[in-house]
Full PDB file with SEQRES, HELIX, SHEET, SSBOND, CRYST1, ORIGX, SCALE, CONECT and MASTER records, all heavy atoms in Angstrom:
SEQRES   1 A   33  GLY ASP SER TYR LEU HIS PRO ASP VAL PRO ILE ASN GLY          
SEQRES   2 A   33  VAL VAL LYS SER VAL VAL ASP ASP ASP VAL THR GLU LEU          
SEQRES   3 A   33  VAL ASP PHE GLY PHE ASN GLY                                  
SHEET    1 AA1 3 ASP A   2  LEU A   5  0                                        
SHEET    2 AA1 3 VAL A  14  VAL A  19 -1                                        
SHEET    3 AA1 3 ASP A  22  GLU A  25 -1                                        
CRYST1    1.000    1.000    1.000  90.00  90.00  90.00 P 1           1          
ORIGX1      1.000000  0.000000  0.000000        0.00000                         
ORIGX2      0.000000  1.000000  0.000000        0.00000                         
ORIGX3      0.000000  0.000000  1.000000        0.00000                         
SCALE1      1.000000  0.000000  0.000000        0.00000                         
SCALE2      0.000000  1.000000  0.000000        0.00000                         
SCALE3      0.000000  0.000000  1.000000        0.00000                         
ATOM      1  N   GLY A   1     168.498-106.731 -75.692  1.00  0.00           N  
ATOM      2  CA  GLY A   1     167.267-105.960 -75.562  1.00  0.00           C  
ATOM      3  C   GLY A   1     167.106-105.297 -74.218  1.00  0.00           C  
ATOM      4  O   GLY A   1     168.011-105.309 -73.378  1.00  0.00           O  
ATOM      5  N   ASP A   2     165.943-104.699 -74.026  1.00  0.00           N  
ATOM      6  CA  ASP A   2     165.600-103.999 -72.793  1.00  0.00           C  
ATOM      7  C   ASP A   2     164.403-104.679 -72.147  1.00  0.00           C  
ATOM      8  O   ASP A   2     163.439-105.046 -72.837  1.00  0.00           O  
ATOM      9  CB  ASP A   2     165.245-102.540 -73.083  1.00  0.00           C  
ATOM     10  CG  ASP A   2     166.427-101.751 -73.611  1.00  0.00           C  
ATOM     11  OD1 ASP A   2     167.513-101.844 -73.001  1.00  0.00           O  
ATOM     12  OD2 ASP A   2     166.277-101.052 -74.634  1.00  0.00           O  
ATOM     13  N   SER A   3     164.471-104.832 -70.828  1.00  0.00           N  
ATOM     14  CA  SER A   3     163.365-105.405 -70.077  1.00  0.00           C  
ATOM     15  C   SER A   3     162.896-104.408 -69.039  1.00  0.00           C  
ATOM     16  O   SER A   3     163.707-103.708 -68.415  1.00  0.00           O  
ATOM     17  CB  SER A   3     163.786-106.709 -69.391  1.00  0.00           C  
ATOM     18  OG  SER A   3     164.039-107.721 -70.341  1.00  0.00           O  
ATOM     19  N   TYR A   4     161.574-104.361 -68.845  1.00  0.00           N  
ATOM     20  CA  TYR A   4     160.963-103.483 -67.848  1.00  0.00           C  
ATOM     21  C   TYR A   4     160.393-104.378 -66.759  1.00  0.00           C  
ATOM     22  O   TYR A   4     159.575-105.263 -67.036  1.00  0.00           O  
ATOM     23  CB  TYR A   4     159.876-102.630 -68.497  1.00  0.00           C  
ATOM     24  CG  TYR A   4     160.429-101.718 -69.573  1.00  0.00           C  
ATOM     25  CD1 TYR A   4     160.662-102.202 -70.865  1.00  0.00           C  
ATOM     26  CD2 TYR A   4     160.760-100.399 -69.286  1.00  0.00           C  
ATOM     27  CE1 TYR A   4     161.204-101.374 -71.849  1.00  0.00           C  
ATOM     28  CE2 TYR A   4     161.300 -99.564 -70.270  1.00  0.00           C  
ATOM     29  CZ  TYR A   4     161.515-100.063 -71.541  1.00  0.00           C  
ATOM     30  OH  TYR A   4     162.063 -99.250 -72.508  1.00  0.00           O  
ATOM     31  N   LEU A   5     160.826-104.163 -65.530  1.00  0.00           N  
ATOM     32  CA  LEU A   5     160.600-105.109 -64.441  1.00  0.00           C  
ATOM     33  C   LEU A   5     159.764-104.511 -63.327  1.00  0.00           C  
ATOM     34  O   LEU A   5     159.823-103.296 -63.062  1.00  0.00           O  
ATOM     35  CB  LEU A   5     161.952-105.557 -63.874  1.00  0.00           C  
ATOM     36  CG  LEU A   5     163.050-105.892 -64.886  1.00  0.00           C  
ATOM     37  CD1 LEU A   5     164.377-106.075 -64.190  1.00  0.00           C  
ATOM     38  CD2 LEU A   5     162.673-107.127 -65.681  1.00  0.00           C  
ATOM     39  N   HIS A   6     159.023-105.385 -62.637  1.00  0.00           N  
ATOM     40  CA  HIS A   6     158.237-104.960 -61.475  1.00  0.00           C  
ATOM     41  C   HIS A   6     158.230-106.110 -60.471  1.00  0.00           C  
ATOM     42  O   HIS A   6     158.019-107.267 -60.846  1.00  0.00           O  
ATOM     43  CB  HIS A   6     156.813-104.616 -61.894  1.00  0.00           C  
ATOM     44  CG  HIS A   6     156.053-103.864 -60.850  1.00  0.00           C  
ATOM     45  ND1 HIS A   6     155.450-104.490 -59.772  1.00  0.00           N  
ATOM     46  CD2 HIS A   6     155.813-102.532 -60.695  1.00  0.00           C  
ATOM     47  CE1 HIS A   6     154.850-103.582 -59.020  1.00  0.00           C  
ATOM     48  NE2 HIS A   6     155.052-102.382 -59.563  1.00  0.00           N  
ATOM     49  N   PRO A   7     158.445-105.821 -59.186  1.00  0.00           N  
ATOM     50  CA  PRO A   7     158.582-106.904 -58.192  1.00  0.00           C  
ATOM     51  C   PRO A   7     157.309-107.689 -57.929  1.00  0.00           C  
ATOM     52  O   PRO A   7     157.377-108.778 -57.346  1.00  0.00           O  
ATOM     53  CB  PRO A   7     159.051-106.158 -56.934  1.00  0.00           C  
ATOM     54  CG  PRO A   7     158.592-104.751 -57.128  1.00  0.00           C  
ATOM     55  CD  PRO A   7     158.684-104.489 -58.601  1.00  0.00           C  
ATOM     56  N   ASP A   8     156.147-107.202 -58.349  1.00  0.00           N  
ATOM     57  CA  ASP A   8     154.904-107.942 -58.125  1.00  0.00           C  
ATOM     58  C   ASP A   8     154.732-109.095 -59.119  1.00  0.00           C  
ATOM     59  O   ASP A   8     153.864-109.952 -58.924  1.00  0.00           O  
ATOM     60  CB  ASP A   8     153.696-107.011 -58.248  1.00  0.00           C  
ATOM     61  CG  ASP A   8     153.540-106.096 -57.046  1.00  0.00           C  
ATOM     62  OD1 ASP A   8     154.280-106.282 -56.052  1.00  0.00           O  
ATOM     63  OD2 ASP A   8     152.694-105.181 -57.100  1.00  0.00           O  
ATOM     64  N   VAL A   9     155.544-109.114 -60.160  1.00  0.00           N  
ATOM     65  CA  VAL A   9     155.417-110.135 -61.202  1.00  0.00           C  
ATOM     66  C   VAL A   9     156.322-111.314 -60.865  1.00  0.00           C  
ATOM     67  O   VAL A   9     157.525-111.131 -60.646  1.00  0.00           O  
ATOM     68  CB  VAL A   9     155.793-109.562 -62.584  1.00  0.00           C  
ATOM     69  CG1 VAL A   9     155.689-110.640 -63.661  1.00  0.00           C  
ATOM     70  CG2 VAL A   9     154.888-108.377 -62.924  1.00  0.00           C  
ATOM     71  N   PRO A  10     155.787-112.538 -60.827  1.00  0.00           N  
ATOM     72  CA  PRO A  10     156.601-113.704 -60.446  1.00  0.00           C  
ATOM     73  C   PRO A  10     157.544-114.161 -61.555  1.00  0.00           C  
ATOM     74  O   PRO A  10     157.558-113.619 -62.652  1.00  0.00           O  
ATOM     75  CB  PRO A  10     155.546-114.777 -60.156  1.00  0.00           C  
ATOM     76  CG  PRO A  10     154.386-114.398 -61.023  1.00  0.00           C  
ATOM     77  CD  PRO A  10     154.380-112.895 -61.068  1.00  0.00           C  
ATOM     78  N   ILE A  11     158.310-115.172 -61.244  1.00  0.00           N  
ATOM     79  CA  ILE A  11     159.280-115.873 -62.093  1.00  0.00           C  
ATOM     80  C   ILE A  11     160.491-115.007 -62.395  1.00  0.00           C  
ATOM     81  O   ILE A  11     161.581-115.274 -61.907  1.00  0.00           O  
ATOM     82  CB  ILE A  11     158.653-116.433 -63.380  1.00  0.00           C  
ATOM     83  CG1 ILE A  11     157.540-117.446 -63.004  1.00  0.00           C  
ATOM     84  CG2 ILE A  11     159.721-117.138 -64.229  1.00  0.00           C  
ATOM     85  CD1 ILE A  11     156.898-118.138 -64.191  1.00  0.00           C  
ATOM     86  N   ASN A  12     160.350-113.964 -63.210  1.00  0.00           N  
ATOM     87  CA  ASN A  12     161.508-113.103 -63.452  1.00  0.00           C  
ATOM     88  C   ASN A  12     161.185-111.623 -63.410  1.00  0.00           C  
ATOM     89  O   ASN A  12     162.062-110.785 -63.646  1.00  0.00           O  
ATOM     90  CB  ASN A  12     162.184-113.456 -64.781  1.00  0.00           C  
ATOM     91  CG  ASN A  12     161.260-113.271 -65.969  1.00  0.00           C  
ATOM     92  OD1 ASN A  12     160.092-112.934 -65.818  1.00  0.00           O  
ATOM     93  ND2 ASN A  12     161.777-113.503 -67.149  1.00  0.00           N  
ATOM     94  N   GLY A  13     159.938-111.279 -63.121  1.00  0.00           N  
ATOM     95  CA  GLY A  13     159.583-109.882 -62.926  1.00  0.00           C  
ATOM     96  C   GLY A  13     159.347-109.080 -64.185  1.00  0.00           C  
ATOM     97  O   GLY A  13     159.098-107.872 -64.111  1.00  0.00           O  
ATOM     98  N   VAL A  14     159.385-109.709 -65.355  1.00  0.00           N  
ATOM     99  CA  VAL A  14     159.337-108.951 -66.606  1.00  0.00           C  
ATOM    100  C   VAL A  14     157.905-108.558 -66.959  1.00  0.00           C  
ATOM    101  O   VAL A  14     157.014-109.393 -67.058  1.00  0.00           O  
ATOM    102  CB  VAL A  14     159.960-109.755 -67.756  1.00  0.00           C  
ATOM    103  CG1 VAL A  14     159.799-109.011 -69.079  1.00  0.00           C  
ATOM    104  CG2 VAL A  14     161.437-110.015 -67.475  1.00  0.00           C  
ATOM    105  N   VAL A  15     157.726-107.256 -67.179  1.00  0.00           N  
ATOM    106  CA  VAL A  15     156.443-106.692 -67.605  1.00  0.00           C  
ATOM    107  C   VAL A  15     156.415-106.538 -69.119  1.00  0.00           C  
ATOM    108  O   VAL A  15     155.408-106.812 -69.771  1.00  0.00           O  
ATOM    109  CB  VAL A  15     156.215-105.320 -66.941  1.00  0.00           C  
ATOM    110  CG1 VAL A  15     154.964-104.635 -67.500  1.00  0.00           C  
ATOM    111  CG2 VAL A  15     156.109-105.472 -65.433  1.00  0.00           C  
ATOM    112  N   LYS A  16     157.537-106.097 -69.670  1.00  0.00           N  
ATOM    113  CA  LYS A  16     157.640-105.888 -71.109  1.00  0.00           C  
ATOM    114  C   LYS A  16     159.085-106.075 -71.522  1.00  0.00           C  
ATOM    115  O   LYS A  16     160.003-105.691 -70.784  1.00  0.00           O  
ATOM    116  CB  LYS A  16     157.162-104.482 -71.493  1.00  0.00           C  
ATOM    117  CG  LYS A  16     157.238-104.168 -72.971  1.00  0.00           C  
ATOM    118  CD  LYS A  16     156.678-102.767 -73.272  1.00  0.00           C  
ATOM    119  CE  LYS A  16     156.750-102.443 -74.752  1.00  0.00           C  
ATOM    120  NZ  LYS A  16     156.145-101.110 -75.047  1.00  0.00           N  
ATOM    121  N   SER A  17     159.303-106.649 -72.704  1.00  0.00           N  
ATOM    122  CA  SER A  17     160.653-106.797 -73.233  1.00  0.00           C  
ATOM    123  C   SER A  17     160.672-106.373 -74.693  1.00  0.00           C  
ATOM    124  O   SER A  17     159.739-106.680 -75.446  1.00  0.00           O  
ATOM    125  CB  SER A  17     161.153-108.240 -73.125  1.00  0.00           C  
ATOM    126  OG  SER A  17     161.426-108.584 -71.782  1.00  0.00           O  
ATOM    127  N   VAL A  18     161.728-105.677 -75.043  1.00  0.00           N  
ATOM    128  CA  VAL A  18     161.969-105.322 -76.437  1.00  0.00           C  
ATOM    129  C   VAL A  18     163.318-105.935 -76.793  1.00  0.00           C  
ATOM    130  O   VAL A  18     164.366-105.465 -76.333  1.00  0.00           O  
ATOM    131  CB  VAL A  18     161.988-103.802 -76.647  1.00  0.00           C  
ATOM    132  CG1 VAL A  18     162.202-103.480 -78.126  1.00  0.00           C  
ATOM    133  CG2 VAL A  18     160.693-103.175 -76.148  1.00  0.00           C  
ATOM    134  N   VAL A  19     163.294-107.024 -77.546  1.00  0.00           N  
ATOM    135  CA  VAL A  19     164.502-107.771 -77.882  1.00  0.00           C  
ATOM    136  C   VAL A  19     164.694-107.717 -79.391  1.00  0.00           C  
ATOM    137  O   VAL A  19     163.876-108.257 -80.144  1.00  0.00           O  
ATOM    138  CB  VAL A  19     164.409-109.230 -77.406  1.00  0.00           C  
ATOM    139  CG1 VAL A  19     165.658-110.001 -77.800  1.00  0.00           C  
ATOM    140  CG2 VAL A  19     164.199-109.286 -75.903  1.00  0.00           C  
ATOM    141  N   ASP A  20     165.773-107.054 -79.804  1.00  0.00           N  
ATOM    142  CA  ASP A  20     165.979-106.821 -81.232  1.00  0.00           C  
ATOM    143  C   ASP A  20     164.712-106.175 -81.788  1.00  0.00           C  
ATOM    144  O   ASP A  20     164.334-105.109 -81.350  1.00  0.00           O  
ATOM    145  CB  ASP A  20     166.351-108.117 -81.958  1.00  0.00           C  
ATOM    146  CG  ASP A  20     167.707-108.663 -81.499  1.00  0.00           C  
ATOM    147  OD1 ASP A  20     168.569-107.842 -81.124  1.00  0.00           O  
ATOM    148  OD2 ASP A  20     167.893-109.875 -81.515  1.00  0.00           O  
ATOM    149  N   ASP A  21     164.027-106.820 -82.715  1.00  0.00           N  
ATOM    150  CA  ASP A  21     162.794-106.243 -83.278  1.00  0.00           C  
ATOM    151  C   ASP A  21     161.538-106.867 -82.696  1.00  0.00           C  
ATOM    152  O   ASP A  21     160.427-106.576 -83.159  1.00  0.00           O  
ATOM    153  CB  ASP A  21     162.789-106.417 -84.804  1.00  0.00           C  
ATOM    154  CG  ASP A  21     163.899-105.639 -85.488  1.00  0.00           C  
ATOM    155  OD1 ASP A  21     164.236-104.547 -84.993  1.00  0.00           O  
ATOM    156  OD2 ASP A  21     164.425-106.132 -86.503  1.00  0.00           O  
ATOM    157  N   ASP A  22     161.690-107.727 -81.696  1.00  0.00           N  
ATOM    158  CA  ASP A  22     160.539-108.429 -81.127  1.00  0.00           C  
ATOM    159  C   ASP A  22     160.104-107.782 -79.814  1.00  0.00           C  
ATOM    160  O   ASP A  22     160.939-107.415 -78.987  1.00  0.00           O  
ATOM    161  CB  ASP A  22     160.884-109.896 -80.876  1.00  0.00           C  
ATOM    162  CG  ASP A  22     161.178-110.639 -82.177  1.00  0.00           C  
ATOM    163  OD1 ASP A  22     160.521-110.330 -83.176  1.00  0.00           O  
ATOM    164  OD2 ASP A  22     162.076-111.504 -82.170  1.00  0.00           O  
ATOM    165  N   VAL A  23     158.796-107.683 -79.645  1.00  0.00           N  
ATOM    166  CA  VAL A  23     158.226-107.102 -78.425  1.00  0.00           C  
ATOM    167  C   VAL A  23     157.335-108.139 -77.766  1.00  0.00           C  
ATOM    168  O   VAL A  23     156.489-108.759 -78.423  1.00  0.00           O  
ATOM    169  CB  VAL A  23     157.408-105.841 -78.736  1.00  0.00           C  
ATOM    170  CG1 VAL A  23     156.766-105.296 -77.464  1.00  0.00           C  
ATOM    171  CG2 VAL A  23     158.276-104.770 -79.386  1.00  0.00           C  
ATOM    172  N   THR A  24     157.524-108.350 -76.476  1.00  0.00           N  
ATOM    173  CA  THR A  24     156.620-109.200 -75.702  1.00  0.00           C  
ATOM    174  C   THR A  24     156.058-108.383 -74.554  1.00  0.00           C  
ATOM    175  O   THR A  24     156.757-107.548 -73.968  1.00  0.00           O  
ATOM    176  CB  THR A  24     157.329-110.450 -75.152  1.00  0.00           C  
ATOM    177  OG1 THR A  24     158.411-110.059 -74.294  1.00  0.00           O  
ATOM    178  CG2 THR A  24     157.857-111.315 -76.281  1.00  0.00           C  
ATOM    179  N   GLU A  25     154.793-108.615 -74.253  1.00  0.00           N  
ATOM    180  CA  GLU A  25     154.127-107.890 -73.181  1.00  0.00           C  
ATOM    181  C   GLU A  25     153.424-108.865 -72.254  1.00  0.00           C  
ATOM    182  O   GLU A  25     152.912-109.910 -72.693  1.00  0.00           O  
ATOM    183  CB  GLU A  25     153.119-106.890 -73.755  1.00  0.00           C  
ATOM    184  CG  GLU A  25     153.765-105.773 -74.562  1.00  0.00           C  
ATOM    185  CD  GLU A  25     152.759-104.737 -75.030  1.00  0.00           C  
ATOM    186  OE1 GLU A  25     151.532-104.953 -74.821  1.00  0.00           O  
ATOM    187  OE2 GLU A  25     153.186-103.709 -75.600  1.00  0.00           O  
ATOM    188  N   LEU A  26     153.384-108.520 -70.986  1.00  0.00           N  
ATOM    189  CA  LEU A  26     152.738-109.347 -69.981  1.00  0.00           C  
ATOM    190  C   LEU A  26     151.225-109.277 -70.164  1.00  0.00           C  
ATOM    191  O   LEU A  26     150.630-108.199 -70.153  1.00  0.00           O  
ATOM    192  CB  LEU A  26     153.130-108.861 -68.580  1.00  0.00           C  
ATOM    193  CG  LEU A  26     152.669-109.692 -67.392  1.00  0.00           C  
ATOM    194  CD1 LEU A  26     153.332-111.060 -67.402  1.00  0.00           C  
ATOM    195  CD2 LEU A  26     152.990-108.966 -66.083  1.00  0.00           C  
ATOM    196  N   VAL A  27     150.612-110.433 -70.348  1.00  0.00           N  
ATOM    197  CA  VAL A  27     149.171-110.525 -70.535  1.00  0.00           C  
ATOM    198  C   VAL A  27     148.466-110.864 -69.226  1.00  0.00           C  
ATOM    199  O   VAL A  27     147.389-110.366 -68.926  1.00  0.00           O  
ATOM    200  CB  VAL A  27     148.841-111.585 -71.608  1.00  0.00           C  
ATOM    201  CG1 VAL A  27     147.335-111.812 -71.721  1.00  0.00           C  
ATOM    202  CG2 VAL A  27     149.409-111.155 -72.959  1.00  0.00           C  
ATOM    203  N   ASP A  28     149.095-111.713 -68.421  1.00  0.00           N  
ATOM    204  CA  ASP A  28     148.490-112.144 -67.168  1.00  0.00           C  
ATOM    205  C   ASP A  28     149.575-112.760 -66.305  1.00  0.00           C  
ATOM    206  O   ASP A  28     150.642-113.159 -66.794  1.00  0.00           O  
ATOM    207  CB  ASP A  28     147.396-113.174 -67.442  1.00  0.00           C  
ATOM    208  CG  ASP A  28     146.527-113.475 -66.221  1.00  0.00           C  
ATOM    209  OD1 ASP A  28     146.554-112.691 -65.249  1.00  0.00           O  
ATOM    210  OD2 ASP A  28     145.823-114.511 -66.235  1.00  0.00           O  
ATOM    211  N   PHE A  29     149.331-112.854 -65.014  1.00  0.00           N  
ATOM    212  CA  PHE A  29     150.233-113.566 -64.114  1.00  0.00           C  
ATOM    213  C   PHE A  29     149.471-113.955 -62.859  1.00  0.00           C  
ATOM    214  O   PHE A  29     148.395-113.421 -62.569  1.00  0.00           O  
ATOM    215  CB  PHE A  29     151.473-112.724 -63.768  1.00  0.00           C  
ATOM    216  CG  PHE A  29     151.201-111.490 -62.939  1.00  0.00           C  
ATOM    217  CD1 PHE A  29     151.278-111.526 -61.549  1.00  0.00           C  
ATOM    218  CD2 PHE A  29     150.883-110.281 -63.552  1.00  0.00           C  
ATOM    219  CE1 PHE A  29     151.052-110.396 -60.790  1.00  0.00           C  
ATOM    220  CE2 PHE A  29     150.657-109.145 -62.803  1.00  0.00           C  
ATOM    221  CZ  PHE A  29     150.733-109.197 -61.417  1.00  0.00           C  
ATOM    222  N   GLY A  30     150.013-114.910 -62.120  1.00  0.00           N  
ATOM    223  CA  GLY A  30     149.345-115.345 -60.910  1.00  0.00           C  
ATOM    224  C   GLY A  30     150.163-116.384 -60.174  1.00  0.00           C  
ATOM    225  O   GLY A  30     151.342-116.619 -60.478  1.00  0.00           O  
ATOM    226  N   PHE A  31     149.501-117.028 -59.212  1.00  0.00           N  
ATOM    227  CA  PHE A  31     150.220-117.907 -58.292  1.00  0.00           C  
ATOM    228  C   PHE A  31     149.516-119.247 -58.086  1.00  0.00           C  
ATOM    229  O   PHE A  31     149.855-119.992 -57.176  1.00  0.00           O  
ATOM    230  CB  PHE A  31     150.398-117.182 -56.955  1.00  0.00           C  
ATOM    231  CG  PHE A  31     151.069-115.847 -57.114  1.00  0.00           C  
ATOM    232  CD1 PHE A  31     150.322-114.694 -57.325  1.00  0.00           C  
ATOM    233  CD2 PHE A  31     152.455-115.752 -57.094  1.00  0.00           C  
ATOM    234  CE1 PHE A  31     150.949-113.466 -57.506  1.00  0.00           C  
ATOM    235  CE2 PHE A  31     153.084-114.532 -57.277  1.00  0.00           C  
ATOM    236  CZ  PHE A  31     152.333-113.384 -57.491  1.00  0.00           C  
ATOM    237  N   ASN A  32     148.559-119.544 -58.959  1.00  0.00           N  
ATOM    238  CA  ASN A  32     147.822-120.811 -58.850  1.00  0.00           C  
ATOM    239  C   ASN A  32     147.826-121.557 -60.185  1.00  0.00           C  
ATOM    240  O   ASN A  32     146.855-122.246 -60.519  1.00  0.00           O  
ATOM    241  CB  ASN A  32     146.393-120.559 -58.377  1.00  0.00           C  
ATOM    242  CG  ASN A  32     145.608-119.667 -59.343  1.00  0.00           C  
ATOM    243  OD1 ASN A  32     146.190-119.059 -60.255  1.00  0.00           O  
ATOM    244  ND2 ASN A  32     144.301-119.587 -59.160  1.00  0.00           N  
ATOM    245  N   GLY A  33     148.904-121.431 -60.926  1.00  0.00           N  
ATOM    246  CA  GLY A  33     148.987-122.075 -62.230  1.00  0.00           C  
ATOM    247  C   GLY A  33     149.060-123.589 -62.132  1.00  0.00           C  
ATOM    248  O   GLY A  33     149.642-124.136 -61.191  1.00  0.00           O  
TER     249      GLY A  33                                                      
MASTER        0    0    0    0    3    0    0    6  248    1    0    3          
END                                                                             
């Protein structure tokens, strides 16, 4: 699949991924989990 990345996002930087027929989107992120 394809991943769209941004350096402000922690862990792996992924904002959106399209993997085969599945789509995941970033809903929230932070640093006090």
